[in-house]
Structures are given as C-alpha cells and as structure tokens.
Amino acid sequence: MPADALSRVFSALADPTRRDMVTRLAVADATVNELAEPYDVSLQAVSKHLKVLQDAGLVSRSREAQRRPVHLEAEVFDLMTKWIERYRRQAEERYGRLDDLLRTMPDDVEPTPPPATGAAR
C-alpha cells in the first residue's frame, strides 16, 4: 500500500463516527439506513462518511436485489497491521539493546555527576 493510501486509511479512521461505522461493519454488512440509525445526522452526512471510508479502501458497496449493503474490506487492516508491526518490532529491538546494555552495567556504581561547564573556581 503506497504511503498516500496508508495516509487516507489513517485519516479516514481519525473520525470517531467512521471508526464506529467500521466497528459495526466488522460484525455484519449494513445498508446506509442501518448505519445511520444510531447517529443524529442526516443520511447525506452518513453517505459522506462512507465515501471517505470507500475512498480509503476500507469499505465497498454491492447490490443485492433492492439492497445496497456496505461491506468492510478486511484486507486493508492486514496491510495496516503489517505497517504498524514493522515499527513495533523496530522499537522492541531498540529496547532490547537498551536492556542488554543496562544488564552489563554494575548495580553498585554511583552515578558520575556531569562536568561543570564554565563554573568559576
């Protein structure tokens, strides 16, 4: 996933209403009307939220007879997870090196005060 696509995903998920919609779509597909039910906003506002999610690749729309359910595209989360996991592993490795270094230091040594800078004698 290119960086700009990843930015669109994170930007889309920055809004709490859209995150809530994604949470609900993780349970089951839903129509725009079904998604709009718990919110005190217009159908147009819900459609705009869905457009942002769709542009980010997080949801898709299909046609089942008269119904047009919104479907969560879980593959996008796999890509996000891989991106996040790469940086989590790097951070863990860095902390592991710090832990190794701290284990090599003696416990009973008094800390050395920093040298005086420009102090009068």
PDB file of N, CA and C in Angstrom:
ATOM      1  N   MET A   1       0.858  -1.176   0.000  1.00  0.00           N
ATOM      2  CA  MET A   1       0.000   0.000   0.000  1.00  0.00           C
ATOM      3  C   MET A   1       0.903   1.238   0.000  1.00  0.00           C
ATOM      4  N   PRO A   2       0.758   2.104  -0.982  1.00  0.00           N
ATOM      5  CA  PRO A   2       1.577   3.323  -1.010  1.00  0.00           C
ATOM      6  C   PRO A   2       1.295   4.202   0.201  1.00  0.00           C
ATOM      7  N   ALA A   3       2.271   5.031   0.524  1.00  0.00           N
ATOM      8  CA  ALA A   3       2.157   5.888   1.714  1.00  0.00           C
ATOM      9  C   ALA A   3       0.914   6.765   1.651  1.00  0.00           C
ATOM     10  N   ASP A   4       0.584   7.309   0.466  1.00  0.00           N
ATOM     11  CA  ASP A   4      -0.586   8.179   0.399  1.00  0.00           C
ATOM     12  C   ASP A   4      -1.868   7.388   0.648  1.00  0.00           C
ATOM     13  N   ALA A   5      -1.919   6.121   0.222  1.00  0.00           N
ATOM     14  CA  ALA A   5      -3.090   5.287   0.506  1.00  0.00           C
ATOM     15  C   ALA A   5      -3.173   4.996   2.003  1.00  0.00           C
ATOM     16  N   LEU A   6      -2.031   4.734   2.614  1.00  0.00           N
ATOM     17  CA  LEU A   6      -1.995   4.493   4.056  1.00  0.00           C
ATOM     18  C   LEU A   6      -2.438   5.750   4.803  1.00  0.00           C
ATOM     19  N   SER A   7      -2.027   6.901   4.328  1.00  0.00           N
ATOM     20  CA  SER A   7      -2.453   8.167   4.942  1.00  0.00           C
ATOM     21  C   SER A   7      -3.969   8.328   4.846  1.00  0.00           C
ATOM     22  N   ARG A   8      -4.541   7.955   3.704  1.00  0.00           N
ATOM     23  CA  ARG A   8      -6.008   8.046   3.548  1.00  0.00           C
ATOM     24  C   ARG A   8      -6.715   7.126   4.538  1.00  0.00           C
ATOM     25  N   VAL A   9      -6.159   5.938   4.758  1.00  0.00           N
ATOM     26  CA  VAL A   9      -6.774   4.999   5.705  1.00  0.00           C
ATOM     27  C   VAL A   9      -6.737   5.572   7.115  1.00  0.00           C
ATOM     28  N   PHE A  10      -5.554   6.020   7.550  1.00  0.00           N
ATOM     29  CA  PHE A  10      -5.449   6.564   8.903  1.00  0.00           C
ATOM     30  C   PHE A  10      -6.283   7.832   9.053  1.00  0.00           C
ATOM     31  N   SER A  11      -6.327   8.647   8.021  1.00  0.00           N
ATOM     32  CA  SER A  11      -7.144   9.861   8.060  1.00  0.00           C
ATOM     33  C   SER A  11      -8.629   9.503   8.172  1.00  0.00           C
ATOM     34  N   ALA A  12      -9.060   8.505   7.412  1.00  0.00           N
ATOM     35  CA  ALA A  12     -10.462   8.078   7.470  1.00  0.00           C
ATOM     36  C   ALA A  12     -10.817   7.566   8.862  1.00  0.00           C
ATOM     37  N   LEU A  13      -9.882   6.873   9.486  1.00  0.00           N
ATOM     38  CA  LEU A  13     -10.140   6.307  10.818  1.00  0.00           C
ATOM     39  C   LEU A  13      -9.944   7.316  11.943  1.00  0.00           C
ATOM     40  N   ALA A  14      -9.507   8.523  11.618  1.00  0.00           N
ATOM     41  CA  ALA A  14      -9.322   9.554  12.645  1.00  0.00           C
ATOM     42  C   ALA A  14     -10.649  10.079  13.173  1.00  0.00           C
ATOM     43  N   ASP A  15     -11.718   9.894  12.418  1.00  0.00           N
ATOM     44  CA  ASP A  15     -13.032  10.387  12.826  1.00  0.00           C
ATOM     45  C   ASP A  15     -13.751   9.322  13.659  1.00  0.00           C
ATOM     46  N   PRO A  16     -14.263   9.686  14.852  1.00  0.00           N
ATOM     47  CA  PRO A  16     -14.909   8.695  15.717  1.00  0.00           C
ATOM     48  C   PRO A  16     -16.174   8.076  15.109  1.00  0.00           C
ATOM     49  N   THR A  17     -16.921   8.821  14.321  1.00  0.00           N
ATOM     50  CA  THR A  17     -18.122   8.257  13.692  1.00  0.00           C
ATOM     51  C   THR A  17     -17.723   7.186  12.682  1.00  0.00           C
ATOM     52  N   ARG A  18     -16.698   7.471  11.899  1.00  0.00           N
ATOM     53  CA  ARG A  18     -16.250   6.475  10.917  1.00  0.00           C
ATOM     54  C   ARG A  18     -15.667   5.246  11.613  1.00  0.00           C
ATOM     55  N   ARG A  19     -14.928   5.452  12.710  1.00  0.00           N
ATOM     56  CA  ARG A  19     -14.414   4.290  13.457  1.00  0.00           C
ATOM     57  C   ARG A  19     -15.568   3.447  13.978  1.00  0.00           C
ATOM     58  N   ASP A  20     -16.619   4.103  14.459  1.00  0.00           N
ATOM     59  CA  ASP A  20     -17.776   3.369  14.947  1.00  0.00           C
ATOM     60  C   ASP A  20     -18.443   2.597  13.817  1.00  0.00           C
ATOM     61  N   MET A  21     -18.547   3.202  12.640  1.00  0.00           N
ATOM     62  CA  MET A  21     -19.127   2.502  11.488  1.00  0.00           C
ATOM     63  C   MET A  21     -18.299   1.268  11.140  1.00  0.00           C
ATOM     64  N   VAL A  22     -16.980   1.409  11.157  1.00  0.00           N
ATOM     65  CA  VAL A  22     -16.100   0.277  10.873  1.00  0.00           C
ATOM     66  C   VAL A  22     -16.301  -0.821  11.911  1.00  0.00           C
ATOM     67  N   THR A  23     -16.435  -0.443  13.169  1.00  0.00           N
ATOM     68  CA  THR A  23     -16.681  -1.416  14.241  1.00  0.00           C
ATOM     69  C   THR A  23     -17.967  -2.181  13.978  1.00  0.00           C
ATOM     70  N   ARG A  24     -19.005  -1.460  13.591  1.00  0.00           N
ATOM     71  CA  ARG A  24     -20.295  -2.109  13.322  1.00  0.00           C
ATOM     72  C   ARG A  24     -20.243  -2.976  12.072  1.00  0.00           C
ATOM     73  N   LEU A  25     -19.503  -2.534  11.054  1.00  0.00           N
ATOM     74  CA  LEU A  25     -19.383  -3.320   9.826  1.00  0.00           C
ATOM     75  C   LEU A  25     -18.512  -4.559  10.027  1.00  0.00           C
ATOM     76  N   ALA A  26     -17.681  -4.559  11.051  1.00  0.00           N
ATOM     77  CA  ALA A  26     -16.883  -5.748  11.366  1.00  0.00           C
ATOM     78  C   ALA A  26     -17.785  -6.891  11.817  1.00  0.00           C
ATOM     79  N   VAL A  27     -18.946  -6.540  12.364  1.00  0.00           N
ATOM     80  CA  VAL A  27     -19.907  -7.545  12.832  1.00  0.00           C
ATOM     81  C   VAL A  27     -20.743  -8.067  11.669  1.00  0.00           C
ATOM     82  N   ALA A  28     -21.215  -7.140  10.811  1.00  0.00           N
ATOM     83  CA  ALA A  28     -22.065  -7.540   9.682  1.00  0.00           C
ATOM     84  C   ALA A  28     -22.173  -6.395   8.684  1.00  0.00           C
ATOM     85  N   ASP A  29     -22.402  -6.743   7.421  1.00  0.00           N
ATOM     86  CA  ASP A  29     -22.676  -5.732   6.408  1.00  0.00           C
ATOM     87  C   ASP A  29     -23.949  -4.994   6.790  1.00  0.00           C
ATOM     88  N   ALA A  30     -24.088  -3.757   6.318  1.00  0.00           N
ATOM     89  CA  ALA A  30     -25.267  -2.954   6.646  1.00  0.00           C
ATOM     90  C   ALA A  30     -25.552  -1.977   5.507  1.00  0.00           C
ATOM     91  N   THR A  31     -26.791  -1.557   5.420  1.00  0.00           N
ATOM     92  CA  THR A  31     -27.154  -0.534   4.442  1.00  0.00           C
ATOM     93  C   THR A  31     -26.844   0.840   5.039  1.00  0.00           C
ATOM     94  N   VAL A  32     -26.922   1.855   4.193  1.00  0.00           N
ATOM     95  CA  VAL A  32     -26.707   3.223   4.666  1.00  0.00           C
ATOM     96  C   VAL A  32     -27.737   3.561   5.742  1.00  0.00           C
ATOM     97  N   ASN A  33     -28.993   3.184   5.518  1.00  0.00           N
ATOM     98  CA  ASN A  33     -30.046   3.460   6.514  1.00  0.00           C
ATOM     99  C   ASN A  33     -29.752   2.773   7.837  1.00  0.00           C
ATOM    100  N   GLU A  34     -29.295   1.529   7.779  1.00  0.00           N
ATOM    101  CA  GLU A  34     -28.969   0.800   9.005  1.00  0.00           C
ATOM    102  C   GLU A  34     -27.778   1.449   9.718  1.00  0.00           C
ATOM    103  N   LEU A  35     -26.802   1.880   8.941  1.00  0.00           N
ATOM    104  CA  LEU A  35     -25.646   2.540   9.555  1.00  0.00           C
ATOM    105  C   LEU A  35     -26.022   3.883  10.169  1.00  0.00           C
ATOM    106  N   ALA A  36     -27.000   4.562   9.573  1.00  0.00           N
ATOM    107  CA  ALA A  36     -27.392   5.898  10.035  1.00  0.00           C
ATOM    108  C   ALA A  36     -28.204   5.866  11.325  1.00  0.00           C
ATOM    109  N   GLU A  37     -28.840   4.748  11.634  1.00  0.00           N
ATOM    110  CA  GLU A  37     -29.783   4.668  12.762  1.00  0.00           C
ATOM    111  C   GLU A  37     -29.283   5.270  14.074  1.00  0.00           C
ATOM    112  N   PRO A  38     -28.089   4.910  14.564  1.00  0.00           N
ATOM    113  CA  PRO A  38     -27.712   5.420  15.893  1.00  0.00           C
ATOM    114  C   PRO A  38     -27.209   6.864  15.916  1.00  0.00           C
ATOM    115  N   TYR A  39     -27.048   7.481  14.757  1.00  0.00           N
ATOM    116  CA  TYR A  39     -26.463   8.816  14.721  1.00  0.00           C
ATOM    117  C   TYR A  39     -27.531   9.880  14.519  1.00  0.00           C
ATOM    118  N   ASP A  40     -27.287  11.020  15.121  1.00  0.00           N
ATOM    119  CA  ASP A  40     -28.194  12.157  14.975  1.00  0.00           C
ATOM    120  C   ASP A  40     -27.682  13.055  13.844  1.00  0.00           C
ATOM    121  N   VAL A  41     -27.538  12.451  12.658  1.00  0.00           N
ATOM    122  CA  VAL A  41     -27.079  13.178  11.470  1.00  0.00           C
ATOM    123  C   VAL A  41     -27.930  12.747  10.278  1.00  0.00           C
ATOM    124  N   SER A  42     -27.841  13.493   9.209  1.00  0.00           N
ATOM    125  CA  SER A  42     -28.617  13.190   8.007  1.00  0.00           C
ATOM    126  C   SER A  42     -28.033  11.980   7.279  1.00  0.00           C
ATOM    127  N   LEU A  43     -28.842  11.390   6.404  1.00  0.00           N
ATOM    128  CA  LEU A  43     -28.352  10.306   5.559  1.00  0.00           C
ATOM    129  C   LEU A  43     -27.226  10.808   4.655  1.00  0.00           C
ATOM    130  N   GLN A  44     -27.317  12.053   4.258  1.00  0.00           N
ATOM    131  CA  GLN A  44     -26.281  12.646   3.422  1.00  0.00           C
ATOM    132  C   GLN A  44     -24.938  12.668   4.175  1.00  0.00           C
ATOM    133  N   ALA A  45     -24.974  13.011   5.458  1.00  0.00           N
ATOM    134  CA  ALA A  45     -23.748  13.027   6.262  1.00  0.00           C
ATOM    135  C   ALA A  45     -23.171  11.618   6.398  1.00  0.00           C
ATOM    136  N   VAL A  46     -24.041  10.642   6.604  1.00  0.00           N
ATOM    137  CA  VAL A  46     -23.576   9.249   6.702  1.00  0.00           C
ATOM    138  C   VAL A  46     -22.972   8.821   5.366  1.00  0.00           C
ATOM    139  N   SER A  47     -23.614   9.201   4.274  1.00  0.00           N
ATOM    140  CA  SER A  47     -23.082   8.875   2.942  1.00  0.00           C
ATOM    141  C   SER A  47     -21.711   9.498   2.717  1.00  0.00           C
ATOM    142  N   LYS A  48     -21.517  10.715   3.213  1.00  0.00           N
ATOM    143  CA  LYS A  48     -20.205  11.360   3.090  1.00  0.00           C
ATOM    144  C   LYS A  48     -19.147  10.594   3.880  1.00  0.00           C
ATOM    145  N   HIS A  49     -19.508  10.163   5.083  1.00  0.00           N
ATOM    146  CA  HIS A  49     -18.575   9.358   5.886  1.00  0.00           C
ATOM    147  C   HIS A  49     -18.226   8.072   5.133  1.00  0.00           C
ATOM    148  N   LEU A  50     -19.237   7.428   4.553  1.00  0.00           N
ATOM    149  CA  LEU A  50     -18.998   6.193   3.817  1.00  0.00           C
ATOM    150  C   LEU A  50     -18.127   6.432   2.587  1.00  0.00           C
ATOM    151  N   LYS A  51     -18.285   7.567   1.954  1.00  0.00           N
ATOM    152  CA  LYS A  51     -17.464   7.907   0.782  1.00  0.00           C
ATOM    153  C   LYS A  51     -15.998   8.007   1.198  1.00  0.00           C
ATOM    154  N   VAL A  52     -15.725   8.622   2.339  1.00  0.00           N
ATOM    155  CA  VAL A  52     -14.343   8.722   2.837  1.00  0.00           C
ATOM    156  C   VAL A  52     -13.789   7.321   3.107  1.00  0.00           C
ATOM    157  N   LEU A  53     -14.592   6.472   3.749  1.00  0.00           N
ATOM    158  CA  LEU A  53     -14.159   5.099   4.035  1.00  0.00           C
ATOM    159  C   LEU A  53     -13.937   4.321   2.739  1.00  0.00           C
ATOM    160  N   GLN A  54     -14.811   4.542   1.761  1.00  0.00           N
ATOM    161  CA  GLN A  54     -14.694   3.850   0.480  1.00  0.00           C
ATOM    162  C   GLN A  54     -13.457   4.339  -0.288  1.00  0.00           C
ATOM    163  N   ASP A  55     -13.216   5.642  -0.301  1.00  0.00           N
ATOM    164  CA  ASP A  55     -12.029   6.191  -0.979  1.00  0.00           C
ATOM    165  C   ASP A  55     -10.737   5.672  -0.360  1.00  0.00           C
ATOM    166  N   ALA A  56     -10.778   5.375   0.928  1.00  0.00           N
ATOM    167  CA  ALA A  56      -9.600   4.845   1.626  1.00  0.00           C
ATOM    168  C   ALA A  56      -9.474   3.331   1.435  1.00  0.00           C
ATOM    169  N   GLY A  57     -10.461   2.711   0.797  1.00  0.00           N
ATOM    170  CA  GLY A  57     -10.417   1.273   0.561  1.00  0.00           C
ATOM    171  C   GLY A  57     -10.893   0.439   1.728  1.00  0.00           C
ATOM    172  N   LEU A  58     -11.501   1.084   2.724  1.00  0.00           N
ATOM    173  CA  LEU A  58     -11.942   0.364   3.923  1.00  0.00           C
ATOM    174  C   LEU A  58     -13.294  -0.325   3.746  1.00  0.00           C
ATOM    175  N   VAL A  59     -14.131   0.207   2.879  1.00  0.00           N
ATOM    176  CA  VAL A  59     -15.441  -0.390   2.650  1.00  0.00           C
ATOM    177  C   VAL A  59     -15.733  -0.425   1.154  1.00  0.00           C
ATOM    178  N   SER A  60     -16.659  -1.301   0.782  1.00  0.00           N
ATOM    179  CA  SER A  60     -17.139  -1.357  -0.592  1.00  0.00           C
ATOM    180  C   SER A  60     -18.655  -1.488  -0.544  1.00  0.00           C
ATOM    181  N   ARG A  61     -19.296  -1.192  -1.664  1.00  0.00           N
ATOM    182  CA  ARG A  61     -20.757  -1.293  -1.767  1.00  0.00           C
ATOM    183  C   ARG A  61     -21.073  -2.346  -2.816  1.00  0.00           C
ATOM    184  N   SER A  62     -22.088  -3.133  -2.553  1.00  0.00           N
ATOM    185  CA  SER A  62     -22.532  -4.126  -3.537  1.00  0.00           C
ATOM    186  C   SER A  62     -24.031  -3.980  -3.718  1.00  0.00           C
ATOM    187  N   ARG A  63     -24.566  -4.705  -4.675  1.00  0.00           N
ATOM    188  CA  ARG A  63     -26.006  -4.657  -4.913  1.00  0.00           C
ATOM    189  C   ARG A  63     -26.562  -6.070  -4.761  1.00  0.00           C
ATOM    190  N   GLU A  64     -27.472  -6.212  -3.820  1.00  0.00           N
ATOM    191  CA  GLU A  64     -28.182  -7.477  -3.601  1.00  0.00           C
ATOM    192  C   GLU A  64     -29.660  -7.169  -3.748  1.00  0.00           C
ATOM    193  N   ALA A  65     -30.207  -7.436  -4.910  1.00  0.00           N
ATOM    194  CA  ALA A  65     -31.613  -7.118  -5.205  1.00  0.00           C
ATOM    195  C   ALA A  65     -31.839  -5.629  -4.982  1.00  0.00           C
ATOM    196  N   GLN A  66     -32.733  -5.261  -4.062  1.00  0.00           N
ATOM    197  CA  GLN A  66     -33.021  -3.857  -3.783  1.00  0.00           C
ATOM    198  C   GLN A  66     -32.063  -3.264  -2.753  1.00  0.00           C
ATOM    199  N   ARG A  67     -31.322  -4.108  -2.111  1.00  0.00           N
ATOM    200  CA  ARG A  67     -30.415  -3.691  -1.035  1.00  0.00           C
ATOM    201  C   ARG A  67     -29.045  -3.326  -1.582  1.00  0.00           C
ATOM    202  N   ARG A  68     -28.405  -2.327  -0.997  1.00  0.00           N
ATOM    203  CA  ARG A  68     -27.013  -1.975  -1.352  1.00  0.00           C
ATOM    204  C   ARG A  68     -26.174  -1.996  -0.086  1.00  0.00           C
ATOM    205  N   PRO A  69     -25.809  -3.178   0.400  1.00  0.00           N
ATOM    206  CA  PRO A  69     -25.059  -3.237   1.659  1.00  0.00           C
ATOM    207  C   PRO A  69     -23.640  -2.691   1.527  1.00  0.00           C
ATOM    208  N   VAL A  70     -23.160  -2.190   2.646  1.00  0.00           N
ATOM    209  CA  VAL A  70     -21.782  -1.723   2.762  1.00  0.00           C
ATOM    210  C   VAL A  70     -21.003  -2.867   3.398  1.00  0.00           C
ATOM    211  N   HIS A  71     -19.851  -3.162   2.821  1.00  0.00           N
ATOM    212  CA  HIS A  71     -19.038  -4.297   3.264  1.00  0.00           C
ATOM    213  C   HIS A  71     -17.661  -3.801   3.700  1.00  0.00           C
ATOM    214  N   LEU A  72     -17.194  -4.274   4.838  1.00  0.00           N
ATOM    215  CA  LEU A  72     -15.861  -3.927   5.341  1.00  0.00           C
ATOM    216  C   LEU A  72     -14.814  -4.732   4.576  1.00  0.00           C
ATOM    217  N   GLU A  73     -13.786  -4.051   4.080  1.00  0.00           N
ATOM    218  CA  GLU A  73     -12.690  -4.700   3.350  1.00  0.00           C
ATOM    219  C   GLU A  73     -11.552  -4.984   4.326  1.00  0.00           C
ATOM    220  N   ALA A  74     -11.543  -6.173   4.878  1.00  0.00           N
ATOM    221  CA  ALA A  74     -10.602  -6.536   5.941  1.00  0.00           C
ATOM    222  C   ALA A  74      -9.149  -6.561   5.474  1.00  0.00           C
ATOM    223  N   GLU A  75      -8.908  -6.740   4.170  1.00  0.00           N
ATOM    224  CA  GLU A  75      -7.530  -6.801   3.678  1.00  0.00           C
ATOM    225  C   GLU A  75      -6.764  -5.518   3.995  1.00  0.00           C
ATOM    226  N   VAL A  76      -7.460  -4.395   4.008  1.00  0.00           N
ATOM    227  CA  VAL A  76      -6.806  -3.120   4.308  1.00  0.00           C
ATOM    228  C   VAL A  76      -6.221  -3.158   5.718  1.00  0.00           C
ATOM    229  N   PHE A  77      -6.925  -3.809   6.644  1.00  0.00           N
ATOM    230  CA  PHE A  77      -6.428  -3.907   8.015  1.00  0.00           C
ATOM    231  C   PHE A  77      -5.179  -4.779   8.084  1.00  0.00           C
ATOM    232  N   ASP A  78      -5.101  -5.793   7.224  1.00  0.00           N
ATOM    233  CA  ASP A  78      -3.888  -6.609   7.173  1.00  0.00           C
ATOM    234  C   ASP A  78      -2.691  -5.759   6.765  1.00  0.00           C
ATOM    235  N   LEU A  79      -2.888  -4.894   5.765  1.00  0.00           N
ATOM    236  CA  LEU A  79      -1.805  -4.017   5.316  1.00  0.00           C
ATOM    237  C   LEU A  79      -1.411  -3.029   6.409  1.00  0.00           C
ATOM    238  N   MET A  80      -2.410  -2.477   7.106  1.00  0.00           N
ATOM    239  CA  MET A  80      -2.118  -1.552   8.202  1.00  0.00           C
ATOM    240  C   MET A  80      -1.360  -2.266   9.312  1.00  0.00           C
ATOM    241  N   THR A  81      -1.785  -3.473   9.617  1.00  0.00           N
ATOM    242  CA  THR A  81      -1.147  -4.246  10.682  1.00  0.00           C
ATOM    243  C   THR A  81       0.312  -4.518  10.342  1.00  0.00           C
ATOM    244  N   LYS A  82       0.593  -4.871   9.092  1.00  0.00           N
ATOM    245  CA  LYS A  82       1.980  -5.109   8.681  1.00  0.00           C
ATOM    246  C   LYS A  82       2.805  -3.838   8.841  1.00  0.00           C
ATOM    247  N   TRP A  83       2.249  -2.705   8.465  1.00  0.00           N
ATOM    248  CA  TRP A  83       2.966  -1.439   8.580  1.00  0.00           C
ATOM    249  C   TRP A  83       3.258  -1.123  10.048  1.00  0.00           C
ATOM    250  N   ILE A  84       2.262  -1.266  10.900  1.00  0.00           N
ATOM    251  CA  ILE A  84       2.420  -0.996  12.336  1.00  0.00           C
ATOM    252  C   ILE A  84       3.400  -1.996  12.957  1.00  0.00           C
ATOM    253  N   GLU A  85       3.268  -3.260  12.579  1.00  0.00           N
ATOM    254  CA  GLU A  85       4.109  -4.316  13.151  1.00  0.00           C
ATOM    255  C   GLU A  85       5.586  -4.073  12.862  1.00  0.00           C
ATOM    256  N   ARG A  86       5.895  -3.574  11.667  1.00  0.00           N
ATOM    257  CA  ARG A  86       7.291  -3.294  11.316  1.00  0.00           C
ATOM    258  C   ARG A  86       7.901  -2.310  12.311  1.00  0.00           C
ATOM    259  N   TYR A  87       7.189  -1.260  12.655  1.00  0.00           N
ATOM    260  CA  TYR A  87       7.718  -0.251  13.582  1.00  0.00           C
ATOM    261  C   TYR A  87       7.683  -0.733  15.030  1.00  0.00           C
ATOM    262  N   ARG A  88       6.721  -1.571  15.362  1.00  0.00           N
ATOM    263  CA  ARG A  88       6.684  -2.152  16.706  1.00  0.00           C
ATOM    264  C   ARG A  88       7.904  -3.035  16.921  1.00  0.00           C
ATOM    265  N   ARG A  89       8.235  -3.848  15.906  1.00  0.00           N
ATOM    266  CA  ARG A  89       9.417  -4.717  16.017  1.00  0.00           C
ATOM    267  C   ARG A  89      10.694  -3.890  16.156  1.00  0.00           C
ATOM    268  N   GLN A  90      10.814  -2.819  15.379  1.00  0.00           N
ATOM    269  CA  GLN A  90      11.993  -1.957  15.482  1.00  0.00           C
ATOM    270  C   GLN A  90      12.115  -1.366  16.880  1.00  0.00           C
ATOM    271  N   ALA A  91      11.002  -0.910  17.436  1.00  0.00           N
ATOM    272  CA  ALA A  91      11.033  -0.341  18.789  1.00  0.00           C
ATOM    273  C   ALA A  91      11.419  -1.409  19.810  1.00  0.00           C
ATOM    274  N   GLU A  92      10.867  -2.619  19.677  1.00  0.00           N
ATOM    275  CA  GLU A  92      11.214  -3.699  20.604  1.00  0.00           C
ATOM    276  C   GLU A  92      12.690  -4.044  20.524  1.00  0.00           C
ATOM    277  N   GLU A  93      13.248  -4.063  19.301  1.00  0.00           N
ATOM    278  CA  GLU A  93      14.674  -4.349  19.146  1.00  0.00           C
ATOM    279  C   GLU A  93      15.518  -3.269  19.820  1.00  0.00           C
ATOM    280  N   ARG A  94      15.116  -2.020  19.666  1.00  0.00           N
ATOM    281  CA  ARG A  94      15.842  -0.913  20.290  1.00  0.00           C
ATOM    282  C   ARG A  94      15.804  -1.045  21.811  1.00  0.00           C
ATOM    283  N   TYR A  95      14.622  -1.340  22.352  1.00  0.00           N
ATOM    284  CA  TYR A  95      14.510  -1.516  23.806  1.00  0.00           C
ATOM    285  C   TYR A  95      15.285  -2.749  24.259  1.00  0.00           C
ATOM    286  N   GLY A  96      15.318  -3.780  23.441  1.00  0.00           N
ATOM    287  CA  GLY A  96      16.095  -4.972  23.783  1.00  0.00           C
ATOM    288  C   GLY A  96      17.576  -4.657  23.886  1.00  0.00           C
ATOM    289  N   ARG A  97      18.084  -3.852  22.940  1.00  0.00           N
ATOM    290  CA  ARG A  97      19.504  -3.447  23.004  1.00  0.00           C
ATOM    291  C   ARG A  97      19.770  -2.614  24.256  1.00  0.00           C
ATOM    292  N   LEU A  98      18.832  -1.738  24.600  1.00  0.00           N
ATOM    293  CA  LEU A  98      18.990  -0.938  25.812  1.00  0.00           C
ATOM    294  C   LEU A  98      18.990  -1.835  27.046  1.00  0.00           C
ATOM    295  N   ASP A  99      18.079  -2.809  27.089  1.00  0.00           N
ATOM    296  CA  ASP A  99      18.057  -3.760  28.207  1.00  0.00           C
ATOM    297  C   ASP A  99      19.384  -4.495  28.322  1.00  0.00           C
ATOM    298  N   ASP A 100      19.935  -4.944  27.167  1.00  0.00           N
ATOM    299  CA  ASP A 100      21.223  -5.646  27.178  1.00  0.00           C
ATOM    300  C   ASP A 100      22.321  -4.760  27.744  1.00  0.00           C
ATOM    301  N   LEU A 101      22.346  -3.509  27.320  1.00  0.00           N
ATOM    302  CA  LEU A 101      23.350  -2.567  27.799  1.00  0.00           C
ATOM    303  C   LEU A 101      23.197  -2.342  29.302  1.00  0.00           C
ATOM    304  N   LEU A 102      21.984  -2.154  29.756  1.00  0.00           N
ATOM    305  CA  LEU A 102      21.760  -1.919  31.188  1.00  0.00           C
ATOM    306  C   LEU A 102      22.151  -3.130  32.022  1.00  0.00           C
ATOM    307  N   ARG A 103      21.974  -4.344  31.492  1.00  0.00           N
ATOM    308  CA  ARG A 103      22.369  -5.553  32.226  1.00  0.00           C
ATOM    309  C   ARG A 103      23.881  -5.639  32.392  1.00  0.00           C
ATOM    310  N   THR A 104      24.634  -5.049  31.483  1.00  0.00           N
ATOM    311  CA  THR A 104      26.103  -5.118  31.574  1.00  0.00           C
ATOM    312  C   THR A 104      26.659  -4.092  32.554  1.00  0.00           C
ATOM    313  N   MET A 105      25.863  -3.138  32.959  1.00  0.00           N
ATOM    314  CA  MET A 105      26.339  -2.086  33.868  1.00  0.00           C
ATOM    315  C   MET A 105      26.249  -2.586  35.303  1.00  0.00           C
ATOM    316  N   PRO A 106      27.287  -2.297  36.098  1.00  0.00           N
ATOM    317  CA  PRO A 106      27.244  -2.719  37.508  1.00  0.00           C
ATOM    318  C   PRO A 106      26.159  -1.946  38.266  1.00  0.00           C
ATOM    319  N   ASP A 107      25.565  -2.620  39.234  1.00  0.00           N
ATOM    320  CA  ASP A 107      24.479  -2.010  40.015  1.00  0.00           C
ATOM    321  C   ASP A 107      24.996  -1.095  41.122  1.00  0.00           C
ATOM    322  N   ASP A 108      26.226  -1.320  41.607  1.00  0.00           N
ATOM    323  CA  ASP A 108      26.703  -0.617  42.799  1.00  0.00           C
ATOM    324  C   ASP A 108      27.560   0.610  42.496  1.00  0.00           C
ATOM    325  N   VAL A 109      27.560   1.095  41.289  1.00  0.00           N
ATOM    326  CA  VAL A 109      28.371   2.262  40.926  1.00  0.00           C
ATOM    327  C   VAL A 109      27.547   3.519  41.105  1.00  0.00           C
ATOM    328  N   GLU A 110      28.154   4.483  41.814  1.00  0.00           N
ATOM    329  CA  GLU A 110      27.477   5.771  41.997  1.00  0.00           C
ATOM    330  C   GLU A 110      27.496   6.514  40.664  1.00  0.00           C
ATOM    331  N   PRO A 111      26.433   7.182  40.324  1.00  0.00           N
ATOM    332  CA  PRO A 111      26.427   7.947  39.073  1.00  0.00           C
ATOM    333  C   PRO A 111      27.457   9.066  39.132  1.00  0.00           C
ATOM    334  N   THR A 112      28.104   9.297  38.030  1.00  0.00           N
ATOM    335  CA  THR A 112      29.101  10.368  37.929  1.00  0.00           C
ATOM    336  C   THR A 112      28.375  11.665  37.606  1.00  0.00           C
ATOM    337  N   PRO A 113      28.615  12.700  38.425  1.00  0.00           N
ATOM    338  CA  PRO A 113      27.958  13.983  38.114  1.00  0.00           C
ATOM    339  C   PRO A 113      28.503  14.538  36.805  1.00  0.00           C
ATOM    340  N   PRO A 114      27.674  15.271  36.092  1.00  0.00           N
ATOM    341  CA  PRO A 114      28.153  15.855  34.837  1.00  0.00           C
ATOM    342  C   PRO A 114      29.240  16.880  35.122  1.00  0.00           C
ATOM    343  N   PRO A 115      30.175  17.057  34.200  1.00  0.00           N
ATOM    344  CA  PRO A 115      31.258  18.030  34.421  1.00  0.00           C
ATOM    345  C   PRO A 115      30.682  19.447  34.495  1.00  0.00           C
ATOM    346  N   ALA A 116      31.311  20.253  35.329  1.00  0.00           N
ATOM    347  CA  ALA A 116      30.908  21.654  35.441  1.00  0.00           C
ATOM    348  C   ALA A 116      31.282  22.380  34.165  1.00  0.00           C
ATOM    349  N   THR A 117      30.381  23.214  33.690  1.00  0.00           N
ATOM    350  CA  THR A 117      30.671  23.967  32.459  1.00  0.00           C
ATOM    351  C   THR A 117      30.766  25.442  32.792  1.00  0.00           C
ATOM    352  N   GLY A 118      31.934  25.984  32.529  1.00  0.00           N
ATOM    353  CA  GLY A 118      32.142  27.413  32.721  1.00  0.00           C
ATOM    354  C   GLY A 118      31.967  27.909  34.135  1.00  0.00           C
ATOM    355  N   ALA A 119      32.089  27.026  35.120  1.00  0.00           N
ATOM    356  CA  ALA A 119      31.909  27.453  36.509  1.00  0.00           C
ATOM    357  C   ALA A 119      33.165  28.126  37.006  1.00  0.00           C
ATOM    358  N   ALA A 120      32.991  29.104  37.870  1.00  0.00           N
ATOM    359  CA  ALA A 120      34.138  29.828  38.475  1.00  0.00           C
ATOM    360  C   ALA A 120      34.791  28.898  39.483  1.00  0.00           C
ATOM    361  N   ARG A 121      36.132  29.044  39.646  1.00  0.00           N
ATOM    362  CA  ARG A 121      36.843  28.187  40.597  1.00  0.00           C
ATOM    363  C   ARG A 121      36.959  28.817  41.917  1.00  0.00           C
TER     364      ARG A 121
END
